[in-house]
Amino acid sequence: MLGHIVVSVLLCTASCEPAEIRVWDGDSIRLGTTRQAESVRTFNIDAPELEARCRHELELARQAKVRLAQILQGQRIEVLRQGADR
């Protein structure tokens, strides 16, 4: 399994501050790097799951995770909360 990818971003919640976030999978991140980090799922995106049983789906999940990390690296991230996921 691919380990979590830590990227540096400008995190904007109440204010914008440099932060490190963990890319959890292709559609989820964790704000911060501790056990208490808040999990945030990207609205309206459903990426393949890393727990997939099918090798093809697992490879697609890995690619989605790496691509999300590439997209987020060095970017300004604004968190707008909209409901709660499972």
PDB file of N, CA and C in Angstrom:
ATOM      1  N   MET A   1       0.845  -1.188   0.000  1.00  0.00           N
ATOM      2  CA  MET A   1       0.000   0.000   0.000  1.00  0.00           C
ATOM      3  C   MET A   1       0.881   1.239   0.000  1.00  0.00           C
ATOM      4  N   LEU A   2       0.468   2.231  -0.718  1.00  0.00           N
ATOM      5  CA  LEU A   2       1.193   3.484  -0.817  1.00  0.00           C
ATOM      6  C   LEU A   2       1.025   4.281   0.466  1.00  0.00           C
ATOM      7  N   GLY A   3       2.130   4.742   1.078  1.00  0.00           N
ATOM      8  CA  GLY A   3       2.054   5.543   2.298  1.00  0.00           C
ATOM      9  C   GLY A   3       1.399   6.884   2.033  1.00  0.00           C
ATOM     10  N   HIS A   4       1.046   7.549   3.096  1.00  0.00           N
ATOM     11  CA  HIS A   4       0.410   8.852   2.961  1.00  0.00           C
ATOM     12  C   HIS A   4       1.412   9.867   2.459  1.00  0.00           C
ATOM     13  N   ILE A   5       0.960  10.769   1.640  1.00  0.00           N
ATOM     14  CA  ILE A   5       1.814  11.777   1.029  1.00  0.00           C
ATOM     15  C   ILE A   5       1.578  13.099   1.744  1.00  0.00           C
ATOM     16  N   VAL A   6       2.640  13.700   2.264  1.00  0.00           N
ATOM     17  CA  VAL A   6       2.540  14.992   2.934  1.00  0.00           C
ATOM     18  C   VAL A   6       2.904  16.073   1.927  1.00  0.00           C
ATOM     19  N   VAL A   7       2.029  17.085   1.796  1.00  0.00           N
ATOM     20  CA  VAL A   7       2.291  18.203   0.894  1.00  0.00           C
ATOM     21  C   VAL A   7       2.191  19.504   1.671  1.00  0.00           C
ATOM     22  N   SER A   8       2.917  20.499   1.222  1.00  0.00           N
ATOM     23  CA  SER A   8       2.873  21.832   1.830  1.00  0.00           C
ATOM     24  C   SER A   8       1.911  22.700   1.040  1.00  0.00           C
ATOM     25  N   VAL A   9       1.002  23.360   1.758  1.00  0.00           N
ATOM     26  CA  VAL A   9      -0.009  24.208   1.125  1.00  0.00           C
ATOM     27  C   VAL A   9      -0.166  25.486   1.936  1.00  0.00           C
ATOM     28  N   LEU A  10      -0.913  26.409   1.392  1.00  0.00           N
ATOM     29  CA  LEU A  10      -1.351  27.588   2.127  1.00  0.00           C
ATOM     30  C   LEU A  10      -2.797  27.292   2.501  1.00  0.00           C
ATOM     31  N   LEU A  11      -3.028  26.890   3.753  1.00  0.00           N
ATOM     32  CA  LEU A  11      -4.334  26.434   4.209  1.00  0.00           C
ATOM     33  C   LEU A  11      -5.164  27.613   4.682  1.00  0.00           C
ATOM     34  N   CYS A  12      -6.332  27.776   4.081  1.00  0.00           N
ATOM     35  CA  CYS A  12      -7.205  28.894   4.410  1.00  0.00           C
ATOM     36  C   CYS A  12      -8.495  28.370   5.025  1.00  0.00           C
ATOM     37  N   THR A  13      -8.631  28.531   6.310  1.00  0.00           N
ATOM     38  CA  THR A  13      -9.888  28.239   7.002  1.00  0.00           C
ATOM     39  C   THR A  13     -10.372  29.587   7.528  1.00  0.00           C
ATOM     40  N   ALA A  14     -10.007  29.952   8.767  1.00  0.00           N
ATOM     41  CA  ALA A  14     -10.320  31.294   9.277  1.00  0.00           C
ATOM     42  C   ALA A  14      -9.353  32.322   8.681  1.00  0.00           C
ATOM     43  N   SER A  15      -8.093  31.930   8.517  1.00  0.00           N
ATOM     44  CA  SER A  15      -7.077  32.772   7.886  1.00  0.00           C
ATOM     45  C   SER A  15      -6.210  31.866   7.020  1.00  0.00           C
ATOM     46  N   CYS A  16      -5.323  32.432   6.248  1.00  0.00           N
ATOM     47  CA  CYS A  16      -4.453  31.630   5.385  1.00  0.00           C
ATOM     48  C   CYS A  16      -3.070  31.529   6.010  1.00  0.00           C
ATOM     49  N   GLU A  17      -2.643  30.289   6.293  1.00  0.00           N
ATOM     50  CA  GLU A  17      -1.340  30.057   6.904  1.00  0.00           C
ATOM     51  C   GLU A  17      -0.676  28.857   6.245  1.00  0.00           C
ATOM     52  N   PRO A  18       0.651  28.866   6.162  1.00  0.00           N
ATOM     53  CA  PRO A  18       1.351  27.692   5.636  1.00  0.00           C
ATOM     54  C   PRO A  18       1.033  26.477   6.503  1.00  0.00           C
ATOM     55  N   ALA A  19       0.841  25.342   5.876  1.00  0.00           N
ATOM     56  CA  ALA A  19       0.512  24.126   6.618  1.00  0.00           C
ATOM     57  C   ALA A  19       0.951  22.908   5.824  1.00  0.00           C
ATOM     58  N   GLU A  20       1.062  21.795   6.524  1.00  0.00           N
ATOM     59  CA  GLU A  20       1.294  20.517   5.876  1.00  0.00           C
ATOM     60  C   GLU A  20       0.021  19.701   6.032  1.00  0.00           C
ATOM     61  N   ILE A  21      -0.392  19.091   4.950  1.00  0.00           N
ATOM     62  CA  ILE A  21      -1.555  18.213   4.991  1.00  0.00           C
ATOM     63  C   ILE A  21      -1.136  16.853   4.455  1.00  0.00           C
ATOM     64  N   ARG A  22      -1.886  15.829   4.823  1.00  0.00           N
ATOM     65  CA  ARG A  22      -1.642  14.480   4.303  1.00  0.00           C
ATOM     66  C   ARG A  22      -2.692  14.152   3.253  1.00  0.00           C
ATOM     67  N   VAL A  23      -2.235  13.699   2.116  1.00  0.00           N
ATOM     68  CA  VAL A  23      -3.154  13.204   1.100  1.00  0.00           C
ATOM     69  C   VAL A  23      -3.445  11.757   1.476  1.00  0.00           C
ATOM     70  N   TRP A  24      -4.684  11.501   1.832  1.00  0.00           N
ATOM     71  CA  TRP A  24      -5.081  10.192   2.345  1.00  0.00           C
ATOM     72  C   TRP A  24      -5.356   9.229   1.196  1.00  0.00           C
ATOM     73  N   ASP A  25      -6.117   9.691   0.227  1.00  0.00           N
ATOM     74  CA  ASP A  25      -6.368   8.929  -0.991  1.00  0.00           C
ATOM     75  C   ASP A  25      -6.728   9.912  -2.096  1.00  0.00           C
ATOM     76  N   GLY A  26      -7.318   9.452  -3.157  1.00  0.00           N
ATOM     77  CA  GLY A  26      -7.583  10.319  -4.298  1.00  0.00           C
ATOM     78  C   GLY A  26      -8.672  11.357  -4.108  1.00  0.00           C
ATOM     79  N   ASP A  27      -9.430  11.251  -3.014  1.00  0.00           N
ATOM     80  CA  ASP A  27     -10.485  12.238  -2.778  1.00  0.00           C
ATOM     81  C   ASP A  27     -10.552  12.706  -1.330  1.00  0.00           C
ATOM     82  N   SER A  28      -9.541  12.401  -0.529  1.00  0.00           N
ATOM     83  CA  SER A  28      -9.549  12.790   0.893  1.00  0.00           C
ATOM     84  C   SER A  28      -8.175  13.272   1.342  1.00  0.00           C
ATOM     85  N   ILE A  29      -8.203  14.266   2.230  1.00  0.00           N
ATOM     86  CA  ILE A  29      -6.974  14.759   2.845  1.00  0.00           C
ATOM     87  C   ILE A  29      -7.172  14.803   4.349  1.00  0.00           C
ATOM     88  N   ARG A  30      -6.087  14.927   5.075  1.00  0.00           N
ATOM     89  CA  ARG A  30      -6.124  15.148   6.514  1.00  0.00           C
ATOM     90  C   ARG A  30      -5.434  16.477   6.785  1.00  0.00           C
ATOM     91  N   LEU A  31      -6.109  17.350   7.524  1.00  0.00           N
ATOM     92  CA  LEU A  31      -5.540  18.652   7.866  1.00  0.00           C
ATOM     93  C   LEU A  31      -4.623  18.469   9.054  1.00  0.00           C
ATOM     94  N   GLY A  32      -3.323  18.526   8.810  1.00  0.00           N
ATOM     95  CA  GLY A  32      -2.340  18.305   9.858  1.00  0.00           C
ATOM     96  C   GLY A  32      -1.728  16.924   9.742  1.00  0.00           C
ATOM     97  N   THR A  33      -0.750  16.672  10.597  1.00  0.00           N
ATOM     98  CA  THR A  33      -0.017  15.412  10.510  1.00  0.00           C
ATOM     99  C   THR A  33      -0.076  14.608  11.804  1.00  0.00           C
ATOM    100  N   THR A  34      -0.978  14.970  12.713  1.00  0.00           N
ATOM    101  CA  THR A  34      -1.104  14.238  13.973  1.00  0.00           C
ATOM    102  C   THR A  34      -2.324  13.321  13.924  1.00  0.00           C
ATOM    103  N   ARG A  35      -2.477  12.497  14.954  1.00  0.00           N
ATOM    104  CA  ARG A  35      -3.642  11.600  15.035  1.00  0.00           C
ATOM    105  C   ARG A  35      -4.954  12.377  15.137  1.00  0.00           C
ATOM    106  N   GLN A  36      -4.900  13.609  15.637  1.00  0.00           N
ATOM    107  CA  GLN A  36      -6.101  14.428  15.797  1.00  0.00           C
ATOM    108  C   GLN A  36      -6.437  15.212  14.527  1.00  0.00           C
ATOM    109  N   ALA A  37      -5.727  14.973  13.450  1.00  0.00           N
ATOM    110  CA  ALA A  37      -5.955  15.701  12.202  1.00  0.00           C
ATOM    111  C   ALA A  37      -7.389  15.492  11.710  1.00  0.00           C
ATOM    112  N   GLU A  38      -7.969  16.569  11.207  1.00  0.00           N
ATOM    113  CA  GLU A  38      -9.334  16.503  10.683  1.00  0.00           C
ATOM    114  C   GLU A  38      -9.324  15.906   9.276  1.00  0.00           C
ATOM    115  N   SER A  39     -10.203  14.975   9.046  1.00  0.00           N
ATOM    116  CA  SER A  39     -10.337  14.366   7.735  1.00  0.00           C
ATOM    117  C   SER A  39     -11.296  15.208   6.890  1.00  0.00           C
ATOM    118  N   VAL A  40     -10.891  15.499   5.651  1.00  0.00           N
ATOM    119  CA  VAL A  40     -11.705  16.298   4.740  1.00  0.00           C
ATOM    120  C   VAL A  40     -11.826  15.545   3.423  1.00  0.00           C
ATOM    121  N   ARG A  41     -13.051  15.359   2.982  1.00  0.00           N
ATOM    122  CA  ARG A  41     -13.299  14.684   1.715  1.00  0.00           C
ATOM    123  C   ARG A  41     -13.689  15.724   0.679  1.00  0.00           C
ATOM    124  N   THR A  42     -13.140  15.599  -0.509  1.00  0.00           N
ATOM    125  CA  THR A  42     -13.436  16.527  -1.593  1.00  0.00           C
ATOM    126  C   THR A  42     -14.870  16.325  -2.054  1.00  0.00           C
ATOM    127  N   PHE A  43     -15.636  17.410  -2.077  1.00  0.00           N
ATOM    128  CA  PHE A  43     -17.038  17.356  -2.462  1.00  0.00           C
ATOM    129  C   PHE A  43     -17.184  16.987  -3.934  1.00  0.00           C
ATOM    130  N   ASN A  44     -18.082  16.073  -4.218  1.00  0.00           N
ATOM    131  CA  ASN A  44     -18.439  15.664  -5.579  1.00  0.00           C
ATOM    132  C   ASN A  44     -17.325  14.934  -6.335  1.00  0.00           C
ATOM    133  N   ILE A  45     -16.347  14.403  -5.625  1.00  0.00           N
ATOM    134  CA  ILE A  45     -15.299  13.596  -6.248  1.00  0.00           C
ATOM    135  C   ILE A  45     -15.349  12.217  -5.606  1.00  0.00           C
ATOM    136  N   ASP A  46     -15.322  11.172  -6.420  1.00  0.00           N
ATOM    137  CA  ASP A  46     -15.306   9.814  -5.904  1.00  0.00           C
ATOM    138  C   ASP A  46     -14.194   9.059  -6.613  1.00  0.00           C
ATOM    139  N   ALA A  47     -13.049   8.958  -5.952  1.00  0.00           N
ATOM    140  CA  ALA A  47     -11.889   8.278  -6.523  1.00  0.00           C
ATOM    141  C   ALA A  47     -11.912   6.805  -6.127  1.00  0.00           C
ATOM    142  N   PRO A  48     -11.237   5.952  -6.882  1.00  0.00           N
ATOM    143  CA  PRO A  48     -11.145   4.536  -6.518  1.00  0.00           C
ATOM    144  C   PRO A  48     -10.524   4.377  -5.122  1.00  0.00           C
ATOM    145  N   GLU A  49     -10.918   3.335  -4.423  1.00  0.00           N
ATOM    146  CA  GLU A  49     -10.467   3.116  -3.050  1.00  0.00           C
ATOM    147  C   GLU A  49      -9.161   2.318  -2.988  1.00  0.00           C
ATOM    148  N   LEU A  50      -8.296   2.684  -2.042  1.00  0.00           N
ATOM    149  CA  LEU A  50      -7.023   1.988  -1.860  1.00  0.00           C
ATOM    150  C   LEU A  50      -7.207   0.591  -1.268  1.00  0.00           C
ATOM    151  N   GLU A  51      -8.378   0.290  -0.720  1.00  0.00           N
ATOM    152  CA  GLU A  51      -8.659  -1.027  -0.161  1.00  0.00           C
ATOM    153  C   GLU A  51      -9.265  -1.955  -1.211  1.00  0.00           C
ATOM    154  N   ALA A  52      -9.150  -1.593  -2.468  1.00  0.00           N
ATOM    155  CA  ALA A  52      -9.754  -2.372  -3.551  1.00  0.00           C
ATOM    156  C   ALA A  52      -9.171  -3.779  -3.601  1.00  0.00           C
ATOM    157  N   ARG A  53      -9.994  -4.718  -3.996  1.00  0.00           N
ATOM    158  CA  ARG A  53      -9.546  -6.114  -4.150  1.00  0.00           C
ATOM    159  C   ARG A  53      -9.013  -6.363  -5.556  1.00  0.00           C
ATOM    160  N   CYS A  54      -9.490  -5.590  -6.489  1.00  0.00           N
ATOM    161  CA  CYS A  54      -9.076  -5.725  -7.883  1.00  0.00           C
ATOM    162  C   CYS A  54      -7.766  -4.955  -8.095  1.00  0.00           C
ATOM    163  N   ARG A  55      -6.774  -5.596  -8.701  1.00  0.00           N
ATOM    164  CA  ARG A  55      -5.472  -4.943  -8.912  1.00  0.00           C
ATOM    165  C   ARG A  55      -5.577  -3.702  -9.787  1.00  0.00           C
ATOM    166  N   HIS A  56      -6.440  -3.762 -10.782  1.00  0.00           N
ATOM    167  CA  HIS A  56      -6.608  -2.607 -11.677  1.00  0.00           C
ATOM    168  C   HIS A  56      -7.163  -1.411 -10.903  1.00  0.00           C
ATOM    169  N   GLU A  57      -8.187  -1.640 -10.085  1.00  0.00           N
ATOM    170  CA  GLU A  57      -8.762  -0.554  -9.295  1.00  0.00           C
ATOM    171  C   GLU A  57      -7.755  -0.016  -8.290  1.00  0.00           C
ATOM    172  N   LEU A  58      -6.960  -0.897  -7.686  1.00  0.00           N
ATOM    173  CA  LEU A  58      -5.929  -0.474  -6.742  1.00  0.00           C
ATOM    174  C   LEU A  58      -4.906   0.431  -7.434  1.00  0.00           C
ATOM    175  N   GLU A  59      -4.506   0.085  -8.637  1.00  0.00           N
ATOM    176  CA  GLU A  59      -3.552   0.920  -9.378  1.00  0.00           C
ATOM    177  C   GLU A  59      -4.164   2.275  -9.711  1.00  0.00           C
ATOM    178  N   LEU A  60      -5.436   2.292 -10.090  1.00  0.00           N
ATOM    179  CA  LEU A  60      -6.117   3.563 -10.354  1.00  0.00           C
ATOM    180  C   LEU A  60      -6.198   4.405  -9.083  1.00  0.00           C
ATOM    181  N   ALA A  61      -6.437   3.772  -7.938  1.00  0.00           N
ATOM    182  CA  ALA A  61      -6.493   4.483  -6.652  1.00  0.00           C
ATOM    183  C   ALA A  61      -5.136   5.102  -6.324  1.00  0.00           C
ATOM    184  N   ARG A  62      -4.080   4.361  -6.556  1.00  0.00           N
ATOM    185  CA  ARG A  62      -2.726   4.892  -6.308  1.00  0.00           C
ATOM    186  C   ARG A  62      -2.438   6.086  -7.217  1.00  0.00           C
ATOM    187  N   GLN A  63      -2.806   5.975  -8.470  1.00  0.00           N
ATOM    188  CA  GLN A  63      -2.592   7.076  -9.408  1.00  0.00           C
ATOM    189  C   GLN A  63      -3.391   8.314  -8.996  1.00  0.00           C
ATOM    190  N   ALA A  64      -4.631   8.110  -8.542  1.00  0.00           N
ATOM    191  CA  ALA A  64      -5.472   9.229  -8.112  1.00  0.00           C
ATOM    192  C   ALA A  64      -4.862   9.925  -6.902  1.00  0.00           C
ATOM    193  N   LYS A  65      -4.321   9.156  -5.970  1.00  0.00           N
ATOM    194  CA  LYS A  65      -3.699   9.725  -4.768  1.00  0.00           C
ATOM    195  C   LYS A  65      -2.471  10.562  -5.131  1.00  0.00           C
ATOM    196  N   VAL A  66      -1.621  10.022  -5.961  1.00  0.00           N
ATOM    197  CA  VAL A  66      -0.416  10.741  -6.386  1.00  0.00           C
ATOM    198  C   VAL A  66      -0.792  12.004  -7.151  1.00  0.00           C
ATOM    199  N   ARG A  67      -1.794  11.895  -8.006  1.00  0.00           N
ATOM    200  CA  ARG A  67      -2.215  13.069  -8.791  1.00  0.00           C
ATOM    201  C   ARG A  67      -2.797  14.158  -7.902  1.00  0.00           C
ATOM    202  N   LEU A  68      -3.602  13.778  -6.895  1.00  0.00           N
ATOM    203  CA  LEU A  68      -4.145  14.779  -5.973  1.00  0.00           C
ATOM    204  C   LEU A  68      -3.002  15.480  -5.239  1.00  0.00           C
ATOM    205  N   ALA A  69      -1.991  14.736  -4.810  1.00  0.00           N
ATOM    206  CA  ALA A  69      -0.834  15.345  -4.136  1.00  0.00           C
ATOM    207  C   ALA A  69      -0.125  16.324  -5.063  1.00  0.00           C
ATOM    208  N   GLN A  70       0.029  15.962  -6.325  1.00  0.00           N
ATOM    209  CA  GLN A  70       0.667  16.861  -7.291  1.00  0.00           C
ATOM    210  C   GLN A  70      -0.137  18.140  -7.479  1.00  0.00           C
ATOM    211  N   ILE A  71      -1.445  18.005  -7.556  1.00  0.00           N
ATOM    212  CA  ILE A  71      -2.313  19.168  -7.755  1.00  0.00           C
ATOM    213  C   ILE A  71      -2.266  20.107  -6.550  1.00  0.00           C
ATOM    214  N   LEU A  72      -2.267  19.550  -5.341  1.00  0.00           N
ATOM    215  CA  LEU A  72      -2.337  20.366  -4.127  1.00  0.00           C
ATOM    216  C   LEU A  72      -1.008  21.004  -3.724  1.00  0.00           C
ATOM    217  N   GLN A  73       0.120  20.374  -4.060  1.00  0.00           N
ATOM    218  CA  GLN A  73       1.434  20.835  -3.613  1.00  0.00           C
ATOM    219  C   GLN A  73       1.646  22.311  -3.918  1.00  0.00           C
ATOM    220  N   GLY A  74       1.883  23.099  -2.863  1.00  0.00           N
ATOM    221  CA  GLY A  74       2.195  24.512  -3.005  1.00  0.00           C
ATOM    222  C   GLY A  74       1.002  25.414  -3.296  1.00  0.00           C
ATOM    223  N   GLN A  75      -0.193  24.858  -3.320  1.00  0.00           N
ATOM    224  CA  GLN A  75      -1.382  25.634  -3.672  1.00  0.00           C
ATOM    225  C   GLN A  75      -2.062  26.245  -2.447  1.00  0.00           C
ATOM    226  N   ARG A  76      -2.940  27.173  -2.703  1.00  0.00           N
ATOM    227  CA  ARG A  76      -3.790  27.768  -1.674  1.00  0.00           C
ATOM    228  C   ARG A  76      -5.029  26.891  -1.577  1.00  0.00           C
ATOM    229  N   ILE A  77      -5.294  26.376  -0.372  1.00  0.00           N
ATOM    230  CA  ILE A  77      -6.422  25.486  -0.145  1.00  0.00           C
ATOM    231  C   ILE A  77      -7.413  26.183   0.775  1.00  0.00           C
ATOM    232  N   GLU A  78      -8.643  26.317   0.324  1.00  0.00           N
ATOM    233  CA  GLU A  78      -9.684  26.908   1.159  1.00  0.00           C
ATOM    234  C   GLU A  78     -10.663  25.796   1.529  1.00  0.00           C
ATOM    235  N   VAL A  79     -10.926  25.644   2.826  1.00  0.00           N
ATOM    236  CA  VAL A  79     -11.821  24.609   3.299  1.00  0.00           C
ATOM    237  C   VAL A  79     -13.201  25.214   3.550  1.00  0.00           C
ATOM    238  N   LEU A  80     -14.168  24.735   2.809  1.00  0.00           N
ATOM    239  CA  LEU A  80     -15.563  25.141   2.997  1.00  0.00           C
ATOM    240  C   LEU A  80     -16.317  23.893   3.427  1.00  0.00           C
ATOM    241  N   ARG A  81     -16.798  23.886   4.648  1.00  0.00           N
ATOM    242  CA  ARG A  81     -17.470  22.690   5.164  1.00  0.00           C
ATOM    243  C   ARG A  81     -18.914  22.641   4.666  1.00  0.00           C
ATOM    244  N   GLN A  82     -19.299  21.456   4.205  1.00  0.00           N
ATOM    245  CA  GLN A  82     -20.652  21.252   3.689  1.00  0.00           C
ATOM    246  C   GLN A  82     -21.116  19.866   4.113  1.00  0.00           C
ATOM    247  N   GLY A  83     -21.750  19.788   5.255  1.00  0.00           N
ATOM    248  CA  GLY A  83     -22.260  18.505   5.743  1.00  0.00           C
ATOM    249  C   GLY A  83     -21.156  17.605   6.251  1.00  0.00           C
ATOM    250  N   ALA A  84     -21.524  16.352   6.477  1.00  0.00           N
ATOM    251  CA  ALA A  84     -20.581  15.361   6.987  1.00  0.00           C
ATOM    252  C   ALA A  84     -20.690  14.091   6.164  1.00  0.00           C
ATOM    253  N   ASP A  85     -19.558  13.473   5.908  1.00  0.00           N
ATOM    254  CA  ASP A  85     -19.518  12.207   5.189  1.00  0.00           C
ATOM    255  C   ASP A  85     -19.615  11.077   6.205  1.00  0.00           C
ATOM    256  N   ARG A  86     -19.816   9.847   5.737  1.00  0.00           N
ATOM    257  CA  ARG A  86     -19.877   8.721   6.646  1.00  0.00           C
ATOM    258  C   ARG A  86     -18.689   8.766   7.516  1.00  0.00           C
TER     259      ARG A  86
END
